[in-house]
Amino acid sequence: MSLLRFLPGIIVLQISTAALVYALMVPEGHDALWIPVAVLAAVVSLLSAFWFGSIADHVKKDALANVRIQHAREREKIVVTAEIDKRAALEQSHQRILKETARAQSQAYWRLGLGFTGLLALGGIMVAIEFMTVGLLIMATAGGAFGGYVMRSRQETRFPGRSDGQPPLLTASEIKGLEASSAKKTLSEK
């Protein structure tokens, strides 16, 4: 494709060279003709050199722009691939953490259930051997602790976004409403 850019310049150079040769071949025999023909040849050579240099610079700039675009596409593809790989690794890590957490919680709940069962059994034994007050206190304590754990697990399932299981006190729209009403009160007081 760049050959077609140089072709008109090559044709013009060949025509001017043929014209100069023809001008020198005319049998007039004047020695003074050599100087203007040499100057004309030098001017044609200089102009054609600048013309070809300009064309070569444009070809170089086009090639550089194409390489930059290609590198930008490859860089974007690498960034996208790296982001996908990072997300996949994070997702696998998150799934592994959730699985290990669920396993640890199930083991903890199993142990807690055994502890509550043991406390209830101890309370039952105390009641059976007529330590009525101590037995009822142990069973009431175990029941209260069990009820607390049940309430906590319900709150964790109801409000999964909070670490303490508590619902948010105010929503964002309620906070904006409070700010607007307090500003109105401040302006009305002045």
C-alpha atoms as a PDB file:
ATOM      1  CA  MET A   1       0.000   0.000   0.000  1.00  0.00           C
ATOM      2  CA  SER A   2       2.861   2.405   0.735  1.00  0.00           C
ATOM      3  CA  LEU A   3       4.295   1.661  -2.751  1.00  0.00           C
ATOM      4  CA  LEU A   4       1.281   3.409  -4.287  1.00  0.00           C
ATOM      5  CA  ARG A   5       2.096   6.508  -2.214  1.00  0.00           C
ATOM      6  CA  PHE A   6       5.596   6.678  -3.701  1.00  0.00           C
ATOM      7  CA  LEU A   7       4.532   5.889  -7.298  1.00  0.00           C
ATOM      8  CA  PRO A   8       3.462   9.448  -8.357  1.00  0.00           C
ATOM      9  CA  GLY A   9       6.735  10.894  -7.056  1.00  0.00           C
ATOM     10  CA  ILE A  10       8.763   8.259  -8.875  1.00  0.00           C
ATOM     11  CA  ILE A  11       6.892   8.993 -12.136  1.00  0.00           C
ATOM     12  CA  VAL A  12       7.435  12.769 -11.764  1.00  0.00           C
ATOM     13  CA  LEU A  13      11.138  12.176 -11.044  1.00  0.00           C
ATOM     14  CA  GLN A  14      11.510   9.932 -14.105  1.00  0.00           C
ATOM     15  CA  ILE A  15       9.767  12.479 -16.389  1.00  0.00           C
ATOM     16  CA  SER A  16      11.936  15.348 -15.119  1.00  0.00           C
ATOM     17  CA  THR A  17      15.081  13.235 -15.526  1.00  0.00           C
ATOM     18  CA  ALA A  18      14.085  12.367 -19.132  1.00  0.00           C
ATOM     19  CA  ALA A  19      13.374  16.051 -19.844  1.00  0.00           C
ATOM     20  CA  LEU A  20      16.776  17.059 -18.464  1.00  0.00           C
ATOM     21  CA  VAL A  21      18.549  14.395 -20.509  1.00  0.00           C
ATOM     22  CA  TYR A  22      16.654  15.475 -23.611  1.00  0.00           C
ATOM     23  CA  ALA A  23      17.580  19.124 -22.914  1.00  0.00           C
ATOM     24  CA  LEU A  24      21.252  18.166 -22.693  1.00  0.00           C
ATOM     25  CA  MET A  25      21.159  16.031 -25.832  1.00  0.00           C
ATOM     26  CA  VAL A  26      20.020  18.873 -28.065  1.00  0.00           C
ATOM     27  CA  PRO A  27      22.985  19.423 -30.417  1.00  0.00           C
ATOM     28  CA  GLU A  28      23.339  23.139 -29.892  1.00  0.00           C
ATOM     29  CA  GLY A  29      26.706  22.764 -28.179  1.00  0.00           C
ATOM     30  CA  HIS A  30      26.381  25.589 -25.710  1.00  0.00           C
ATOM     31  CA  ASP A  31      28.425  25.064 -22.592  1.00  0.00           C
ATOM     32  CA  ALA A  32      26.317  27.606 -20.690  1.00  0.00           C
ATOM     33  CA  LEU A  33      23.375  25.133 -20.799  1.00  0.00           C
ATOM     34  CA  TRP A  34      25.043  22.811 -18.287  1.00  0.00           C
ATOM     35  CA  ILE A  35      24.744  25.225 -15.331  1.00  0.00           C
ATOM     36  CA  PRO A  36      20.939  25.805 -15.533  1.00  0.00           C
ATOM     37  CA  VAL A  37      20.345  22.099 -16.166  1.00  0.00           C
ATOM     38  CA  ALA A  38      22.516  21.199 -13.137  1.00  0.00           C
ATOM     39  CA  VAL A  39      20.626  23.721 -10.952  1.00  0.00           C
ATOM     40  CA  LEU A  40      17.320  22.397 -12.232  1.00  0.00           C
ATOM     41  CA  ALA A  41      18.439  18.814 -11.531  1.00  0.00           C
ATOM     42  CA  ALA A  42      19.507  19.797  -8.015  1.00  0.00           C
ATOM     43  CA  VAL A  43      16.122  21.492  -7.366  1.00  0.00           C
ATOM     44  CA  VAL A  44      14.190  18.486  -8.677  1.00  0.00           C
ATOM     45  CA  SER A  45      16.327  16.125  -6.579  1.00  0.00           C
ATOM     46  CA  LEU A  46      15.852  18.258  -3.461  1.00  0.00           C
ATOM     47  CA  LEU A  47      12.078  18.525  -3.942  1.00  0.00           C
ATOM     48  CA  SER A  48      11.714  14.806  -4.599  1.00  0.00           C
ATOM     49  CA  ALA A  49      13.807  14.014  -1.490  1.00  0.00           C
ATOM     50  CA  PHE A  50      11.545  16.214   0.669  1.00  0.00           C
ATOM     51  CA  TRP A  51       8.453  14.716  -0.928  1.00  0.00           C
ATOM     52  CA  PHE A  52       9.619  11.117  -0.318  1.00  0.00           C
ATOM     53  CA  GLY A  53      10.702  12.024   3.224  1.00  0.00           C
ATOM     54  CA  SER A  54       7.254  13.432   3.955  1.00  0.00           C
ATOM     55  CA  ILE A  55       5.579  10.325   2.579  1.00  0.00           C
ATOM     56  CA  ALA A  56       7.902   8.102   4.638  1.00  0.00           C
ATOM     57  CA  ASP A  57       7.100  10.105   7.806  1.00  0.00           C
ATOM     58  CA  HIS A  58       3.375   9.679   7.220  1.00  0.00           C
ATOM     59  CA  VAL A  59       3.808   5.935   6.641  1.00  0.00           C
ATOM     60  CA  LYS A  60       5.817   5.687   9.866  1.00  0.00           C
ATOM     61  CA  LYS A  61       3.203   7.648  11.845  1.00  0.00           C
ATOM     62  CA  ASP A  62       0.386   5.468  10.479  1.00  0.00           C
ATOM     63  CA  ALA A  63       2.272   2.287  11.378  1.00  0.00           C
ATOM     64  CA  LEU A  64       3.016   3.629  14.868  1.00  0.00           C
ATOM     65  CA  ALA A  65      -0.645   4.576  15.388  1.00  0.00           C
ATOM     66  CA  ASN A  66      -1.755   1.094  14.300  1.00  0.00           C
ATOM     67  CA  VAL A  67       0.719  -0.552  16.689  1.00  0.00           C
ATOM     68  CA  ARG A  68      -0.458   1.687  19.550  1.00  0.00           C
ATOM     69  CA  ILE A  69      -4.081   0.786  18.880  1.00  0.00           C
ATOM     70  CA  GLN A  70      -3.196  -2.912  18.764  1.00  0.00           C
ATOM     71  CA  HIS A  71      -1.258  -2.664  22.030  1.00  0.00           C
ATOM     72  CA  ALA A  72      -4.117  -0.781  23.673  1.00  0.00           C
ATOM     73  CA  ARG A  73      -6.532  -3.552  22.650  1.00  0.00           C
ATOM     74  CA  GLU A  74      -4.189  -6.234  23.968  1.00  0.00           C
ATOM     75  CA  ARG A  75      -3.686  -4.286  27.223  1.00  0.00           C
ATOM     76  CA  GLU A  76      -7.459  -3.972  27.667  1.00  0.00           C
ATOM     77  CA  LYS A  77      -7.894  -7.674  26.995  1.00  0.00           C
ATOM     78  CA  ILE A  78      -5.226  -8.493  29.601  1.00  0.00           C
ATOM     79  CA  VAL A  79      -6.858  -6.186  32.157  1.00  0.00           C
ATOM     80  CA  VAL A  80     -10.282  -7.752  31.560  1.00  0.00           C
ATOM     81  CA  THR A  81      -8.840 -11.265  31.832  1.00  0.00           C
ATOM     82  CA  ALA A  82      -7.011 -10.356  35.039  1.00  0.00           C
ATOM     83  CA  GLU A  83     -10.196  -8.868  36.501  1.00  0.00           C
ATOM     84  CA  ILE A  84     -12.171 -11.992  35.627  1.00  0.00           C
ATOM     85  CA  ASP A  85      -9.470 -14.185  37.159  1.00  0.00           C
ATOM     86  CA  LYS A  86      -9.388 -12.002  40.273  1.00  0.00           C
ATOM     87  CA  ARG A  87     -13.164 -12.181  40.647  1.00  0.00           C
ATOM     88  CA  ALA A  88     -13.112 -15.946  40.222  1.00  0.00           C
ATOM     89  CA  ALA A  89     -10.373 -16.290  42.836  1.00  0.00           C
ATOM     90  CA  LEU A  90     -12.271 -14.023  45.225  1.00  0.00           C
ATOM     91  CA  GLU A  91     -15.476 -15.977  44.657  1.00  0.00           C
ATOM     92  CA  GLN A  92     -13.712 -19.284  45.312  1.00  0.00           C
ATOM     93  CA  SER A  93     -12.096 -17.842  48.436  1.00  0.00           C
ATOM     94  CA  HIS A  94     -15.433 -16.477  49.621  1.00  0.00           C
ATOM     95  CA  GLN A  95     -17.166 -19.822  49.027  1.00  0.00           C
ATOM     96  CA  ARG A  96     -14.392 -21.643  50.904  1.00  0.00           C
ATOM     97  CA  ILE A  97     -14.650 -19.219  53.836  1.00  0.00           C
ATOM     98  CA  LEU A  98     -18.440 -19.579  53.929  1.00  0.00           C
ATOM     99  CA  LYS A  99     -18.126 -23.358  53.881  1.00  0.00           C
ATOM    100  CA  GLU A 100     -15.551 -23.382  56.689  1.00  0.00           C
ATOM    101  CA  THR A 101     -17.625 -20.907  58.712  1.00  0.00           C
ATOM    102  CA  ALA A 102     -20.762 -23.012  58.316  1.00  0.00           C
ATOM    103  CA  ARG A 103     -18.848 -26.120  59.373  1.00  0.00           C
ATOM    104  CA  ALA A 104     -17.400 -24.354  62.429  1.00  0.00           C
ATOM    105  CA  GLN A 105     -20.830 -22.994  63.371  1.00  0.00           C
ATOM    106  CA  SER A 106     -22.458 -26.407  63.033  1.00  0.00           C
ATOM    107  CA  GLN A 107     -19.762 -27.918  65.277  1.00  0.00           C
ATOM    108  CA  ALA A 108     -20.259 -25.084  67.790  1.00  0.00           C
ATOM    109  CA  TYR A 109     -24.041 -25.543  67.753  1.00  0.00           C
ATOM    110  CA  TRP A 110     -23.603 -29.278  68.256  1.00  0.00           C
ATOM    111  CA  ARG A 111     -21.372 -28.694  71.278  1.00  0.00           C
ATOM    112  CA  LEU A 112     -23.741 -26.025  72.591  1.00  0.00           C
ATOM    113  CA  GLY A 113     -26.675 -28.416  72.251  1.00  0.00           C
ATOM    114  CA  LEU A 114     -24.759 -31.060  74.153  1.00  0.00           C
ATOM    115  CA  GLY A 115     -23.971 -28.493  76.864  1.00  0.00           C
ATOM    116  CA  PHE A 116     -27.629 -27.464  77.194  1.00  0.00           C
ATOM    117  CA  THR A 117     -28.693 -31.098  77.273  1.00  0.00           C
ATOM    118  CA  GLY A 118     -26.130 -31.757  80.004  1.00  0.00           C
ATOM    119  CA  LEU A 119     -27.361 -28.790  82.026  1.00  0.00           C
ATOM    120  CA  LEU A 120     -30.971 -29.900  81.682  1.00  0.00           C
ATOM    121  CA  ALA A 121     -29.987 -33.423  82.696  1.00  0.00           C
ATOM    122  CA  LEU A 122     -28.096 -32.075  85.714  1.00  0.00           C
ATOM    123  CA  GLY A 123     -31.139 -29.935  86.622  1.00  0.00           C
ATOM    124  CA  GLY A 124     -33.381 -32.990  86.284  1.00  0.00           C
ATOM    125  CA  ILE A 125     -31.062 -35.009  88.509  1.00  0.00           C
ATOM    126  CA  MET A 126     -31.064 -32.200  91.092  1.00  0.00           C
ATOM    127  CA  VAL A 127     -34.871 -32.122  91.075  1.00  0.00           C
ATOM    128  CA  ALA A 128     -34.974 -35.928  91.321  1.00  0.00           C
ATOM    129  CA  ILE A 129     -32.730 -35.973  94.384  1.00  0.00           C
ATOM    130  CA  GLU A 130     -34.792 -33.214  95.949  1.00  0.00           C
ATOM    131  CA  PHE A 131     -32.477 -30.238  95.411  1.00  0.00           C
ATOM    132  CA  MET A 132     -35.486 -28.502  93.968  1.00  0.00           C
ATOM    133  CA  THR A 133     -34.224 -24.892  94.004  1.00  0.00           C
ATOM    134  CA  VAL A 134     -30.788 -25.685  92.564  1.00  0.00           C
ATOM    135  CA  GLY A 135     -32.272 -27.948  89.897  1.00  0.00           C
ATOM    136  CA  LEU A 136     -34.870 -25.385  88.825  1.00  0.00           C
ATOM    137  CA  LEU A 137     -32.204 -22.654  88.742  1.00  0.00           C
ATOM    138  CA  ILE A 138     -29.957 -24.791  86.512  1.00  0.00           C
ATOM    139  CA  MET A 139     -32.829 -25.640  84.166  1.00  0.00           C
ATOM    140  CA  ALA A 140     -33.993 -21.996  84.036  1.00  0.00           C
ATOM    141  CA  THR A 141     -30.451 -20.845  83.264  1.00  0.00           C
ATOM    142  CA  ALA A 142     -30.083 -23.418  80.501  1.00  0.00           C
ATOM    143  CA  GLY A 143     -33.482 -22.469  79.045  1.00  0.00           C
ATOM    144  CA  GLY A 144     -32.648 -18.752  79.136  1.00  0.00           C
ATOM    145  CA  ALA A 145     -29.304 -19.306  77.448  1.00  0.00           C
ATOM    146  CA  PHE A 146     -30.931 -21.496  74.805  1.00  0.00           C
ATOM    147  CA  GLY A 147     -33.617 -18.858  74.189  1.00  0.00           C
ATOM    148  CA  GLY A 148     -30.939 -16.180  73.797  1.00  0.00           C
ATOM    149  CA  TYR A 149     -29.117 -18.233  71.183  1.00  0.00           C
ATOM    150  CA  VAL A 150     -32.375 -18.882  69.315  1.00  0.00           C
ATOM    151  CA  MET A 151     -33.181 -15.144  69.262  1.00  0.00           C
ATOM    152  CA  ARG A 152     -29.670 -14.321  68.058  1.00  0.00           C
ATOM    153  CA  SER A 153     -29.855 -16.843  65.215  1.00  0.00           C
ATOM    154  CA  ARG A 154     -33.243 -15.418  64.136  1.00  0.00           C
ATOM    155  CA  GLN A 155     -31.821 -11.891  64.089  1.00  0.00           C
ATOM    156  CA  GLU A 156     -28.820 -13.032  62.070  1.00  0.00           C
ATOM    157  CA  THR A 157     -31.085 -14.618  59.465  1.00  0.00           C
ATOM    158  CA  ARG A 158     -33.450 -11.617  59.401  1.00  0.00           C
ATOM    159  CA  PHE A 159     -30.710  -8.938  59.113  1.00  0.00           C
ATOM    160  CA  PRO A 160     -27.729 -10.582  57.409  1.00  0.00           C
ATOM    161  CA  GLY A 161     -25.972  -7.283  56.595  1.00  0.00           C
ATOM    162  CA  ARG A 162     -25.273  -6.348  60.201  1.00  0.00           C
ATOM    163  CA  SER A 163     -22.571  -8.040  62.225  1.00  0.00           C
ATOM    164  CA  ASP A 164     -24.399  -7.616  65.537  1.00  0.00           C
ATOM    165  CA  GLY A 165     -27.752  -8.807  64.153  1.00  0.00           C
ATOM    166  CA  GLN A 166     -29.472  -5.518  64.981  1.00  0.00           C
ATOM    167  CA  PRO A 167     -31.665  -3.758  62.411  1.00  0.00           C
ATOM    168  CA  PRO A 168     -30.570  -0.301  61.314  1.00  0.00           C
ATOM    169  CA  LEU A 169     -31.939   2.405  63.553  1.00  0.00           C
ATOM    170  CA  LEU A 170     -32.841   4.798  60.728  1.00  0.00           C
ATOM    171  CA  THR A 171     -32.921   4.405  56.972  1.00  0.00           C
ATOM    172  CA  ALA A 172     -31.241   6.905  54.649  1.00  0.00           C
ATOM    173  CA  SER A 173     -34.574   8.521  53.699  1.00  0.00           C
ATOM    174  CA  GLU A 174     -35.513   8.931  57.375  1.00  0.00           C
ATOM    175  CA  ILE A 175     -32.147  10.581  58.060  1.00  0.00           C
ATOM    176  CA  LYS A 176     -32.680  13.022  55.150  1.00  0.00           C
ATOM    177  CA  GLY A 177     -36.173  13.744  56.486  1.00  0.00           C
ATOM    178  CA  LEU A 178     -34.781  14.451  59.949  1.00  0.00           C
ATOM    179  CA  GLU A 179     -32.151  16.804  58.526  1.00  0.00           C
ATOM    180  CA  ALA A 180     -34.779  18.738  56.578  1.00  0.00           C
ATOM    181  CA  SER A 181     -37.173  19.013  59.526  1.00  0.00           C
ATOM    182  CA  SER A 182     -34.410  20.141  61.917  1.00  0.00           C
ATOM    183  CA  ALA A 183     -33.315  22.791  59.388  1.00  0.00           C
ATOM    184  CA  LYS A 184     -36.904  24.061  59.121  1.00  0.00           C
ATOM    185  CA  LYS A 185     -37.170  24.260  62.917  1.00  0.00           C
ATOM    186  CA  THR A 186     -33.896  26.193  63.129  1.00  0.00           C
ATOM    187  CA  LEU A 187     -35.057  28.677  60.483  1.00  0.00           C
ATOM    188  CA  SER A 188     -38.481  29.113  62.131  1.00  0.00           C
ATOM    189  CA  GLU A 189     -36.893  29.749  65.547  1.00  0.00           C
ATOM    190  CA  LYS A 190     -34.922  32.730  64.180  1.00  0.00           C
END
